[in-house]
Amino acid sequence: MSSQPKITLYTYFRSSCSARVRMALHWKGLEFTPVYIHLLKNDQFSQTYAALNPSKAVPTIVFSPNEDDSQSEPVTFVLTQSVAILEYLEERFPAPKYPALFPTNIEDRARVRQLSQIVACDIQPITNLKMLKEVKKFATEAGKDPEAAGPEWQKRHMAEGLKAYETVVSKTAGKYSVGDTVTLADFCLVPTIDGAVRFGVDMSEFETIGRVWQALEEVEAVKKGGWRAQGDTPEEFRC
């Protein structure tokens, strides 16, 4: 195993997908350099960034040769899509040298993937900034208030997705989402809860999620990777 390559993460403080990766990097103790892509200023649509990430989204992670280490890989590797990045981190920086993102039991590993996909497939895509802009556009065309319709759309779909997560996690949770060890599912869950709270979802109906969330708030990687602690977080939102 060679030493760590140089890692660059293109990120935005409020991006839940970026937060998943930030938390996982901190969890594994991997140093990385953040490059901030301001989604509200449309940095993601610049020609330079679009060449790096054809989806014009965050996160994007770049692994480059470590010039200070002759053992480091000589090839630069670029990867997009947060779940793909998380899976790669687990395989590229495996246990026991690095803290794991998955349990060892095959059924538990499948449950971690199931919960992660509830977030990554059922919740996040229909509540992200791109979709919010489209909903506001359709609301305007329908003669409705876009500033009310957009957040209401996000709130409703976040709540529906969290209900599905709650149903599954009530059967798998220990201290965390699957058992008593932090997993990839937890790093997907936390940013989703942050967004749900922001948009006014009533979290009191999610008993297991609430208990897991409380435990995760004490995890150092969650604190470091959270949206309030980033270099591009506006001062008024900082911890």
Protein backbone atom coordinates (compact mmCIF):
# COMPACT_ATOMS: atom_id res chain seq x y z
CA MET A 1 0.00 0.00 0.00
CA SER A 2 1.50 3.31 -1.03
CA SER A 3 1.07 6.42 1.04
CA GLN A 4 -1.77 8.83 0.58
CA PRO A 5 -1.95 10.67 -2.75
CA LYS A 6 -2.79 14.35 -2.90
CA ILE A 7 -6.55 14.69 -2.61
CA THR A 8 -8.51 17.69 -3.89
CA LEU A 9 -12.23 17.92 -3.19
CA TYR A 10 -14.48 20.30 -5.11
CA THR A 11 -17.23 21.10 -2.65
CA TYR A 12 -19.93 23.52 -1.52
CA PHE A 13 -20.75 24.04 2.14
CA ARG A 14 -24.48 23.32 1.81
CA SER A 15 -24.20 20.44 -0.61
CA SER A 16 -25.37 17.28 1.14
CA CYS A 17 -23.52 15.14 -1.41
CA SER A 18 -20.28 17.01 -0.68
CA ALA A 19 -20.87 16.66 3.07
CA ARG A 20 -21.06 12.86 2.79
CA VAL A 21 -17.61 12.80 1.22
CA ARG A 22 -16.11 15.39 3.58
CA MET A 23 -17.24 13.37 6.59
CA ALA A 24 -15.91 10.12 5.14
CA LEU A 25 -12.52 11.70 4.39
CA HIS A 26 -12.27 12.96 7.96
CA TRP A 27 -13.46 9.57 9.27
CA LYS A 28 -10.62 7.82 7.44
CA GLY A 29 -8.11 10.45 8.51
CA LEU A 30 -7.32 11.49 4.95
CA GLU A 31 -5.95 14.96 4.32
CA PHE A 32 -7.54 16.86 1.47
CA THR A 33 -7.56 20.31 -0.07
CA PRO A 34 -11.03 21.82 -0.61
CA VAL A 35 -11.84 23.89 -3.69
CA TYR A 36 -15.08 25.78 -3.23
CA ILE A 37 -17.71 25.72 -5.97
CA HIS A 38 -20.40 28.29 -5.20
CA LEU A 39 -23.57 26.73 -6.58
CA LEU A 40 -25.67 29.88 -6.18
CA LYS A 41 -23.12 31.81 -8.23
CA ASN A 42 -23.17 29.08 -10.92
CA ASP A 43 -19.49 28.18 -10.54
CA GLN A 44 -20.46 24.62 -11.51
CA PHE A 45 -21.31 25.79 -15.03
CA SER A 46 -17.91 27.26 -15.81
CA GLN A 47 -16.16 25.69 -18.78
CA THR A 48 -13.21 24.62 -16.67
CA TYR A 49 -15.30 22.89 -14.03
CA ALA A 50 -17.71 21.31 -16.51
CA ALA A 51 -14.70 19.70 -18.20
CA LEU A 52 -13.83 18.14 -14.85
CA ASN A 53 -17.39 17.16 -13.93
CA PRO A 54 -19.76 16.74 -16.91
CA SER A 55 -22.75 16.62 -14.53
CA LYS A 56 -21.91 20.19 -13.47
CA ALA A 57 -22.44 19.32 -9.84
CA VAL A 58 -20.48 18.69 -6.65
CA PRO A 59 -18.62 16.86 -5.34
CA THR A 60 -15.69 16.06 -7.57
CA ILE A 61 -12.62 14.43 -6.09
CA VAL A 62 -9.16 14.36 -7.64
CA PHE A 63 -6.36 12.04 -6.57
CA SER A 64 -2.97 13.30 -7.75
CA PRO A 65 0.58 11.97 -7.39
CA ASN A 66 2.27 12.90 -4.15
CA GLU A 67 5.47 14.59 -5.27
CA ASP A 68 7.05 14.01 -1.85
CA ASP A 69 6.64 10.24 -2.06
CA SER A 70 8.23 8.11 -4.77
CA GLN A 71 5.83 5.28 -3.87
CA SER A 72 2.74 7.30 -4.75
CA GLU A 73 0.79 6.38 -7.90
CA PRO A 74 1.92 8.44 -10.94
CA VAL A 75 -1.57 8.81 -12.42
CA THR A 76 -4.20 11.44 -11.62
CA PHE A 77 -7.65 9.99 -11.01
CA VAL A 78 -10.86 12.07 -11.13
CA LEU A 79 -14.14 10.78 -9.75
CA THR A 80 -17.63 12.26 -9.41
CA GLN A 81 -20.89 11.11 -7.78
CA SER A 82 -20.75 10.94 -4.00
CA VAL A 83 -21.70 7.29 -3.47
CA ALA A 84 -19.16 6.15 -6.07
CA ILE A 85 -16.56 8.27 -4.28
CA LEU A 86 -17.46 6.76 -0.90
CA GLU A 87 -17.24 3.22 -2.26
CA TYR A 88 -13.87 4.04 -3.82
CA LEU A 89 -12.56 5.48 -0.56
CA GLU A 90 -13.51 2.26 1.21
CA GLU A 91 -11.69 0.11 -1.34
CA ARG A 92 -8.69 2.39 -1.84
CA PHE A 93 -8.17 3.04 1.88
CA PRO A 94 -9.41 -0.15 3.53
CA ALA A 95 -9.52 -1.38 7.11
CA PRO A 96 -7.68 -2.10 9.29
CA LYS A 97 -5.26 0.67 8.33
CA TYR A 98 -8.17 3.08 7.88
CA PRO A 99 -11.53 3.12 9.71
CA ALA A 100 -14.15 1.22 7.72
CA LEU A 101 -17.29 2.63 6.12
CA PHE A 102 -19.00 -0.78 6.06
CA PRO A 103 -19.55 -3.55 8.61
CA THR A 104 -18.00 -6.97 8.02
CA ASN A 105 -21.28 -8.92 7.92
CA ILE A 106 -22.61 -9.23 4.37
CA GLU A 107 -26.26 -8.63 5.33
CA ASP A 108 -25.30 -5.56 7.35
CA ARG A 109 -23.29 -4.26 4.40
CA ALA A 110 -26.37 -4.66 2.22
CA ARG A 111 -28.46 -2.74 4.77
CA VAL A 112 -25.91 0.07 4.74
CA ARG A 113 -26.24 0.27 0.97
CA GLN A 114 -30.04 0.13 1.19
CA LEU A 115 -30.20 3.04 3.63
CA SER A 116 -27.62 5.03 1.66
CA GLN A 117 -29.63 4.60 -1.53
CA ILE A 118 -32.84 5.74 0.16
CA VAL A 119 -31.01 9.03 0.70
CA ALA A 120 -29.02 9.15 -2.54
CA CYS A 121 -31.80 7.96 -4.88
CA ASP A 122 -35.13 8.72 -3.20
CA ILE A 123 -34.49 11.95 -1.28
CA GLN A 124 -31.56 13.97 -2.56
CA PRO A 125 -32.20 14.07 -6.34
CA ILE A 126 -35.74 15.45 -6.02
CA THR A 127 -34.87 17.96 -3.32
CA ASN A 128 -31.62 19.42 -4.67
CA LEU A 129 -30.98 22.93 -5.99
CA LYS A 130 -31.49 21.97 -9.63
CA MET A 131 -34.92 20.53 -8.89
CA LEU A 132 -35.84 23.46 -6.64
CA LYS A 133 -35.20 25.86 -9.52
CA GLU A 134 -37.41 23.79 -11.81
CA VAL A 135 -40.23 23.60 -9.25
CA LYS A 136 -40.10 27.35 -8.78
CA LYS A 137 -40.24 27.82 -12.55
CA PHE A 138 -43.31 25.57 -12.88
CA ALA A 139 -44.96 27.28 -9.90
CA THR A 140 -44.50 30.67 -11.52
CA GLU A 141 -45.97 29.41 -14.78
CA ALA A 142 -48.95 28.04 -12.83
CA GLY A 143 -49.53 31.40 -11.16
CA LYS A 144 -48.38 30.23 -7.73
CA ASP A 145 -45.84 31.75 -5.36
CA PRO A 146 -42.51 30.09 -6.26
CA GLU A 147 -40.92 31.01 -2.94
CA ALA A 148 -43.60 29.02 -1.13
CA ALA A 149 -44.03 26.18 -3.61
CA GLY A 150 -40.32 25.28 -3.83
CA PRO A 151 -39.61 24.83 -0.12
CA GLU A 152 -42.94 23.05 0.37
CA TRP A 153 -41.98 20.57 -2.36
CA GLN A 154 -38.63 19.92 -0.68
CA LYS A 155 -40.18 19.59 2.77
CA ARG A 156 -42.77 17.06 1.60
CA HIS A 157 -40.34 14.82 -0.26
CA MET A 158 -37.73 14.97 2.48
CA ALA A 159 -40.35 13.83 4.98
CA GLU A 160 -41.48 10.97 2.73
CA GLY A 161 -37.92 9.76 2.24
CA LEU A 162 -37.15 9.98 5.94
CA LYS A 163 -40.23 7.89 6.69
CA ALA A 164 -38.81 5.13 4.51
CA TYR A 165 -35.42 5.45 6.22
CA GLU A 166 -37.09 5.33 9.64
CA THR A 167 -38.97 2.14 8.78
CA VAL A 168 -35.76 0.36 7.80
CA VAL A 169 -33.46 1.84 10.42
CA SER A 170 -35.83 0.99 13.27
CA LYS A 171 -34.90 -2.66 12.56
CA THR A 172 -31.16 -2.18 11.94
CA ALA A 173 -30.02 0.53 14.34
CA GLY A 174 -27.85 0.15 17.36
CA LYS A 175 -26.13 3.34 18.41
CA TYR A 176 -25.93 4.26 14.73
CA SER A 177 -27.91 3.38 11.59
CA VAL A 178 -26.61 -0.18 11.32
CA GLY A 179 -25.35 -1.51 14.61
CA ASP A 180 -22.99 0.32 16.92
CA THR A 181 -20.37 1.46 14.41
CA VAL A 182 -20.53 4.49 12.13
CA THR A 183 -21.05 3.51 8.50
CA LEU A 184 -21.49 5.07 5.08
CA ALA A 185 -25.25 5.22 5.73
CA ASP A 186 -24.71 7.61 8.63
CA PHE A 187 -22.67 9.98 6.50
CA CYS A 188 -25.52 10.01 3.99
CA LEU A 189 -28.11 10.56 6.72
CA VAL A 190 -26.66 13.52 8.61
CA PRO A 191 -26.65 16.09 5.75
CA THR A 192 -30.18 15.01 4.84
CA ILE A 193 -31.37 15.73 8.36
CA ASP A 194 -29.63 19.10 8.27
CA GLY A 195 -31.58 19.94 5.12
CA ALA A 196 -34.85 18.61 6.53
CA VAL A 197 -34.51 20.75 9.64
CA ARG A 198 -33.69 23.76 7.51
CA PHE A 199 -36.90 23.32 5.52
CA GLY A 200 -39.06 22.73 8.56
CA VAL A 201 -39.64 18.97 8.50
CA ASP A 202 -41.10 17.81 11.82
CA MET A 203 -38.37 15.47 13.07
CA SER A 204 -40.31 14.41 16.17
CA GLU A 205 -42.01 11.58 14.27
CA PHE A 206 -38.69 9.90 13.47
CA GLU A 207 -37.75 8.35 16.79
CA THR A 208 -34.91 6.10 15.67
CA ILE A 209 -33.46 8.64 13.26
CA GLY A 210 -33.52 11.24 16.02
CA ARG A 211 -31.64 8.95 18.41
CA VAL A 212 -29.04 8.06 15.78
CA TRP A 213 -28.69 11.71 14.81
CA GLN A 214 -27.94 12.69 18.40
CA ALA A 215 -25.18 10.09 18.59
CA LEU A 216 -23.70 11.17 15.26
CA GLU A 217 -23.56 14.82 16.33
CA GLU A 218 -20.80 13.78 18.76
CA VAL A 219 -18.65 12.11 16.07
CA GLU A 220 -15.61 14.25 15.23
CA ALA A 221 -15.74 13.48 11.50
CA VAL A 222 -19.36 14.67 11.40
CA LYS A 223 -18.45 17.90 13.16
CA LYS A 224 -15.52 18.57 10.82
CA GLY A 225 -17.44 17.69 7.67
CA GLY A 226 -20.69 19.44 8.58
CA TRP A 227 -22.03 22.41 6.66
CA ARG A 228 -21.42 24.91 9.44
CA ALA A 229 -17.69 24.23 9.68
CA GLN A 230 -16.46 24.72 6.11
CA GLY A 231 -14.11 27.31 4.73
CA ASP A 232 -16.86 28.66 2.46
CA THR A 233 -19.55 28.71 5.15
CA PRO A 234 -20.78 32.30 5.59
CA GLU A 235 -19.91 33.71 8.98
CA GLU A 236 -23.54 33.95 10.09
CA PHE A 237 -23.99 30.19 9.69
CA ARG A 238 -20.83 29.07 11.46
CA CYS A 239 -20.88 27.06 14.66
